[in-house]
Amino acid sequence: MARTKDPSDVLLTSLDTILHDRQVCCGKGSALGDSAQQADPTSLKDIAAKLQDRHLLSDGRPIMVTAEYLAPDTIGADALIKTLQAKHALLMAWNAHMYVCYGVTYRKDYDANGGVVDTILTFLLLDTRYSDSRREVVFNRATDDWKKVQGMLWVAPAPQ
């Protein structure tokens, strides 16, 4: 849970949740801590720009961070499902709040030629501002307004 409901704290806690490594993010002396704190916590584009680069761990080892912003109209079901199946959560900005997207529910549709189309029904989200029942949030494509989604952010560190 984030220390406060301030967007900067929520961002740091959300990044820490998806990266699972305190040396990388976002503890004191972590490789991404300063860059993440300098980012505008309400702009996934700015967060991606600040994180995308070569960084140094506290022991001097270099890592390369890839941060890819996905605009709402470019979020594809197939790639998102594969990313989540590989156990890689993403950040999602929706309704001016930052969430951790850790799963989706989806439907497979088949066309007359045997082609398969995946359709995402819901996004399973964590709201790191809370530790109670408000922590788990669902974005339902049928009932929630997709126009209020500001995008998603995929972040991955790799040793260099």
C-alpha atoms as a PDB file:
ATOM      1  CA  MET A   1       0.000   0.000   0.000  1.00  0.00           C
ATOM      2  CA  ALA A   2       1.188   3.511  -0.820  1.00  0.00           C
ATOM      3  CA  ARG A   3       2.296   5.591   2.160  1.00  0.00           C
ATOM      4  CA  THR A   4      -0.136   8.358   1.156  1.00  0.00           C
ATOM      5  CA  LYS A   5      -2.754   8.906  -1.533  1.00  0.00           C
ATOM      6  CA  ASP A   6      -0.455  11.418  -3.241  1.00  0.00           C
ATOM      7  CA  PRO A   7      -0.030  10.454  -6.922  1.00  0.00           C
ATOM      8  CA  SER A   8       3.781  10.312  -6.555  1.00  0.00           C
ATOM      9  CA  ASP A   9       3.532   7.777  -3.709  1.00  0.00           C
ATOM     10  CA  VAL A  10       0.948   5.776  -5.638  1.00  0.00           C
ATOM     11  CA  LEU A  11       3.253   5.707  -8.676  1.00  0.00           C
ATOM     12  CA  LEU A  12       6.265   4.515  -6.666  1.00  0.00           C
ATOM     13  CA  THR A  13       4.238   1.814  -4.932  1.00  0.00           C
ATOM     14  CA  SER A  14       2.674   0.703  -8.221  1.00  0.00           C
ATOM     15  CA  LEU A  15       6.081   0.474  -9.923  1.00  0.00           C
ATOM     16  CA  ASP A  16       7.439  -1.442  -6.936  1.00  0.00           C
ATOM     17  CA  THR A  17       4.487  -3.833  -7.243  1.00  0.00           C
ATOM     18  CA  ILE A  18       5.113  -4.649 -10.904  1.00  0.00           C
ATOM     19  CA  LEU A  19       8.925  -4.792 -10.751  1.00  0.00           C
ATOM     20  CA  HIS A  20       9.335  -6.897  -7.558  1.00  0.00           C
ATOM     21  CA  ASP A  21      12.909  -5.732  -6.903  1.00  0.00           C
ATOM     22  CA  ARG A  22      13.687  -3.046  -4.301  1.00  0.00           C
ATOM     23  CA  GLN A  23      17.162  -2.492  -5.813  1.00  0.00           C
ATOM     24  CA  VAL A  24      15.523  -1.594  -9.121  1.00  0.00           C
ATOM     25  CA  CYS A  25      12.523   0.328  -7.771  1.00  0.00           C
ATOM     26  CA  CYS A  26      11.519   2.148  -5.683  1.00  0.00           C
ATOM     27  CA  GLY A  27      13.248   2.002  -2.339  1.00  0.00           C
ATOM     28  CA  LYS A  28      15.893   4.382  -1.079  1.00  0.00           C
ATOM     29  CA  GLY A  29      18.954   4.206  -3.313  1.00  0.00           C
ATOM     30  CA  SER A  30      17.158   2.165  -5.974  1.00  0.00           C
ATOM     31  CA  ALA A  31      18.068   2.521  -9.646  1.00  0.00           C
ATOM     32  CA  LEU A  32      14.709   4.012 -10.654  1.00  0.00           C
ATOM     33  CA  GLY A  33      13.691   5.854  -7.490  1.00  0.00           C
ATOM     34  CA  ASP A  34      14.969   9.285  -8.508  1.00  0.00           C
ATOM     35  CA  SER A  35      13.765   8.993 -12.112  1.00  0.00           C
ATOM     36  CA  ALA A  36      10.301   7.885 -11.001  1.00  0.00           C
ATOM     37  CA  GLN A  37      10.070  10.745  -8.499  1.00  0.00           C
ATOM     38  CA  GLN A  38      10.955  13.254 -11.222  1.00  0.00           C
ATOM     39  CA  ALA A  39       8.190  11.979 -13.514  1.00  0.00           C
ATOM     40  CA  ASP A  40       4.748  13.539 -13.675  1.00  0.00           C
ATOM     41  CA  PRO A  41       2.740  10.835 -11.845  1.00  0.00           C
ATOM     42  CA  THR A  42      -0.367  11.639 -13.888  1.00  0.00           C
ATOM     43  CA  SER A  43       1.311  11.151 -17.293  1.00  0.00           C
ATOM     44  CA  LEU A  44       2.218   7.665 -18.453  1.00  0.00           C
ATOM     45  CA  LYS A  45       4.119   9.207 -21.383  1.00  0.00           C
ATOM     46  CA  ASP A  46       6.291  11.221 -19.001  1.00  0.00           C
ATOM     47  CA  ILE A  47       6.830   8.237 -16.717  1.00  0.00           C
ATOM     48  CA  ALA A  48       7.935   6.147 -19.710  1.00  0.00           C
ATOM     49  CA  ALA A  49      10.305   8.903 -20.875  1.00  0.00           C
ATOM     50  CA  LYS A  50      11.892   9.216 -17.411  1.00  0.00           C
ATOM     51  CA  LEU A  51      12.310   5.452 -16.879  1.00  0.00           C
ATOM     52  CA  GLN A  52      13.441   4.439 -20.386  1.00  0.00           C
ATOM     53  CA  ASP A  53      17.223   4.432 -20.191  1.00  0.00           C
ATOM     54  CA  ARG A  54      20.315   2.868 -18.717  1.00  0.00           C
ATOM     55  CA  HIS A  55      20.391   3.034 -14.904  1.00  0.00           C
ATOM     56  CA  LEU A  56      22.808   1.877 -12.228  1.00  0.00           C
ATOM     57  CA  LEU A  57      21.957  -0.329  -9.281  1.00  0.00           C
ATOM     58  CA  SER A  58      23.308   0.761  -5.900  1.00  0.00           C
ATOM     59  CA  ASP A  59      26.269  -1.632  -6.321  1.00  0.00           C
ATOM     60  CA  GLY A  60      27.176  -0.051  -9.686  1.00  0.00           C
ATOM     61  CA  ARG A  61      25.849  -2.787 -11.964  1.00  0.00           C
ATOM     62  CA  PRO A  62      24.100  -1.338 -15.038  1.00  0.00           C
ATOM     63  CA  ILE A  63      20.563  -2.213 -16.057  1.00  0.00           C
ATOM     64  CA  MET A  64      18.604  -1.185 -19.128  1.00  0.00           C
ATOM     65  CA  VAL A  65      14.992  -0.252 -18.501  1.00  0.00           C
ATOM     66  CA  THR A  66      12.482  -0.526 -21.299  1.00  0.00           C
ATOM     67  CA  ALA A  67       9.325   1.491 -20.710  1.00  0.00           C
ATOM     68  CA  GLU A  68       6.636   1.395 -23.367  1.00  0.00           C
ATOM     69  CA  TYR A  69       3.595   3.649 -23.237  1.00  0.00           C
ATOM     70  CA  LEU A  70       0.486   2.198 -24.881  1.00  0.00           C
ATOM     71  CA  ALA A  71      -2.146   4.709 -25.943  1.00  0.00           C
ATOM     72  CA  PRO A  72      -5.731   3.514 -25.380  1.00  0.00           C
ATOM     73  CA  ASP A  73      -6.329   3.031 -29.119  1.00  0.00           C
ATOM     74  CA  THR A  74      -3.195   0.856 -29.483  1.00  0.00           C
ATOM     75  CA  ILE A  75      -3.849  -1.623 -26.670  1.00  0.00           C
ATOM     76  CA  GLY A  76      -4.204  -4.968 -28.400  1.00  0.00           C
ATOM     77  CA  ALA A  77      -5.845  -7.924 -26.727  1.00  0.00           C
ATOM     78  CA  ASP A  78      -3.390 -10.556 -27.987  1.00  0.00           C
ATOM     79  CA  ALA A  79      -0.233  -8.763 -26.830  1.00  0.00           C
ATOM     80  CA  LEU A  80      -1.787  -7.763 -23.504  1.00  0.00           C
ATOM     81  CA  ILE A  81      -2.982 -11.305 -22.774  1.00  0.00           C
ATOM     82  CA  LYS A  82       0.447 -12.764 -23.618  1.00  0.00           C
ATOM     83  CA  THR A  83       2.176 -10.193 -21.400  1.00  0.00           C
ATOM     84  CA  LEU A  84      -0.084 -11.004 -18.466  1.00  0.00           C
ATOM     85  CA  GLN A  85       0.221 -14.764 -19.055  1.00  0.00           C
ATOM     86  CA  ALA A  86       3.988 -14.256 -18.739  1.00  0.00           C
ATOM     87  CA  LYS A  87       3.222 -12.832 -15.271  1.00  0.00           C
ATOM     88  CA  HIS A  88       4.199  -9.284 -16.186  1.00  0.00           C
ATOM     89  CA  ALA A  89       1.810  -6.694 -14.749  1.00  0.00           C
ATOM     90  CA  LEU A  90       1.389  -3.237 -16.289  1.00  0.00           C
ATOM     91  CA  LEU A  91       0.380   0.190 -15.070  1.00  0.00           C
ATOM     92  CA  MET A  92      -2.992   1.477 -16.222  1.00  0.00           C
ATOM     93  CA  ALA A  93      -4.203   5.066 -15.944  1.00  0.00           C
ATOM     94  CA  TRP A  94      -7.965   5.274 -15.770  1.00  0.00           C
ATOM     95  CA  ASN A  95     -10.194   8.086 -14.605  1.00  0.00           C
ATOM     96  CA  ALA A  96      -7.135  10.097 -13.457  1.00  0.00           C
ATOM     97  CA  HIS A  97      -5.897   7.280 -11.157  1.00  0.00           C
ATOM     98  CA  MET A  98      -2.979   4.873 -11.464  1.00  0.00           C
ATOM     99  CA  TYR A  99      -3.658   1.142 -11.165  1.00  0.00           C
ATOM    100  CA  VAL A 100      -1.664  -2.056 -11.479  1.00  0.00           C
ATOM    101  CA  CYS A 101      -3.215  -4.273 -14.160  1.00  0.00           C
ATOM    102  CA  TYR A 102      -2.469  -7.848 -13.121  1.00  0.00           C
ATOM    103  CA  GLY A 103      -5.014  -9.731 -15.219  1.00  0.00           C
ATOM    104  CA  VAL A 104      -7.876  -9.686 -17.666  1.00  0.00           C
ATOM    105  CA  THR A 105     -10.867 -11.812 -18.433  1.00  0.00           C
ATOM    106  CA  TYR A 106     -11.419 -12.426 -22.110  1.00  0.00           C
ATOM    107  CA  ARG A 107     -13.467 -14.342 -24.632  1.00  0.00           C
ATOM    108  CA  LYS A 108     -12.221 -16.229 -27.669  1.00  0.00           C
ATOM    109  CA  ASP A 109     -14.349 -15.749 -30.754  1.00  0.00           C
ATOM    110  CA  TYR A 110     -13.989 -17.850 -33.902  1.00  0.00           C
ATOM    111  CA  ASP A 111     -14.848 -16.668 -37.357  1.00  0.00           C
ATOM    112  CA  ALA A 112     -16.159 -18.799 -40.253  1.00  0.00           C
ATOM    113  CA  ASN A 113     -12.608 -19.296 -41.578  1.00  0.00           C
ATOM    114  CA  GLY A 114     -11.323 -20.689 -38.275  1.00  0.00           C
ATOM    115  CA  GLY A 115      -9.614 -17.464 -37.233  1.00  0.00           C
ATOM    116  CA  VAL A 116      -9.490 -16.576 -33.563  1.00  0.00           C
ATOM    117  CA  VAL A 117     -10.148 -13.137 -32.097  1.00  0.00           C
ATOM    118  CA  ASP A 118      -9.629 -12.451 -28.387  1.00  0.00           C
ATOM    119  CA  THR A 119     -11.937  -9.878 -26.824  1.00  0.00           C
ATOM    120  CA  ILE A 120     -11.047  -8.443 -23.419  1.00  0.00           C
ATOM    121  CA  LEU A 121     -14.084  -8.238 -21.151  1.00  0.00           C
ATOM    122  CA  THR A 122     -12.580  -6.899 -17.923  1.00  0.00           C
ATOM    123  CA  PHE A 123      -9.275  -5.587 -16.624  1.00  0.00           C
ATOM    124  CA  LEU A 124      -8.348  -6.786 -13.122  1.00  0.00           C
ATOM    125  CA  LEU A 125      -6.685  -3.931 -11.271  1.00  0.00           C
ATOM    126  CA  LEU A 126      -5.036  -3.127  -7.945  1.00  0.00           C
ATOM    127  CA  ASP A 127      -5.446   0.315  -6.439  1.00  0.00           C
ATOM    128  CA  THR A 128      -2.308   0.722  -4.339  1.00  0.00           C
ATOM    129  CA  ARG A 129      -3.892   3.575  -2.381  1.00  0.00           C
ATOM    130  CA  TYR A 130      -5.839   1.025  -0.341  1.00  0.00           C
ATOM    131  CA  SER A 131      -5.293  -2.189   1.578  1.00  0.00           C
ATOM    132  CA  ASP A 132      -8.948  -3.039   2.187  1.00  0.00           C
ATOM    133  CA  SER A 133     -11.781  -4.149  -0.126  1.00  0.00           C
ATOM    134  CA  ARG A 134     -11.267  -1.018  -2.262  1.00  0.00           C
ATOM    135  CA  ARG A 135      -7.860  -2.357  -3.360  1.00  0.00           C
ATOM    136  CA  GLU A 136      -9.265  -4.723  -5.998  1.00  0.00           C
ATOM    137  CA  VAL A 137     -10.925  -2.875  -8.859  1.00  0.00           C
ATOM    138  CA  VAL A 138     -12.443  -4.139 -12.096  1.00  0.00           C
ATOM    139  CA  PHE A 139     -12.669  -2.142 -15.299  1.00  0.00           C
ATOM    140  CA  ASN A 140     -15.569  -3.616 -17.260  1.00  0.00           C
ATOM    141  CA  ARG A 141     -15.432  -2.896 -20.996  1.00  0.00           C
ATOM    142  CA  ALA A 142     -19.225  -3.239 -21.251  1.00  0.00           C
ATOM    143  CA  THR A 143     -20.118  -0.734 -18.527  1.00  0.00           C
ATOM    144  CA  ASP A 144     -17.091   1.517 -17.922  1.00  0.00           C
ATOM    145  CA  ASP A 145     -16.153   4.360 -20.255  1.00  0.00           C
ATOM    146  CA  TRP A 146     -13.059   3.449 -22.309  1.00  0.00           C
ATOM    147  CA  LYS A 147     -12.619   7.177 -23.089  1.00  0.00           C
ATOM    148  CA  LYS A 148     -11.556   7.652 -19.454  1.00  0.00           C
ATOM    149  CA  VAL A 149      -8.580   5.311 -19.912  1.00  0.00           C
ATOM    150  CA  GLN A 150      -5.384   7.317 -20.433  1.00  0.00           C
ATOM    151  CA  GLY A 151      -3.343   4.272 -21.455  1.00  0.00           C
ATOM    152  CA  MET A 152      -1.059   1.572 -20.108  1.00  0.00           C
ATOM    153  CA  LEU A 153       2.647   1.345 -19.347  1.00  0.00           C
ATOM    154  CA  TRP A 154       4.850  -1.706 -19.713  1.00  0.00           C
ATOM    155  CA  VAL A 155       8.138  -1.508 -17.773  1.00  0.00           C
ATOM    156  CA  ALA A 156      10.909  -4.099 -17.746  1.00  0.00           C
ATOM    157  CA  PRO A 157      14.485  -3.910 -16.430  1.00  0.00           C
ATOM    158  CA  ALA A 158      17.248  -6.119 -17.825  1.00  0.00           C
ATOM    159  CA  PRO A 159      20.881  -6.529 -16.761  1.00  0.00           C
ATOM    160  CA  GLN A 160      23.381  -5.045 -19.195  1.00  0.00           C
END
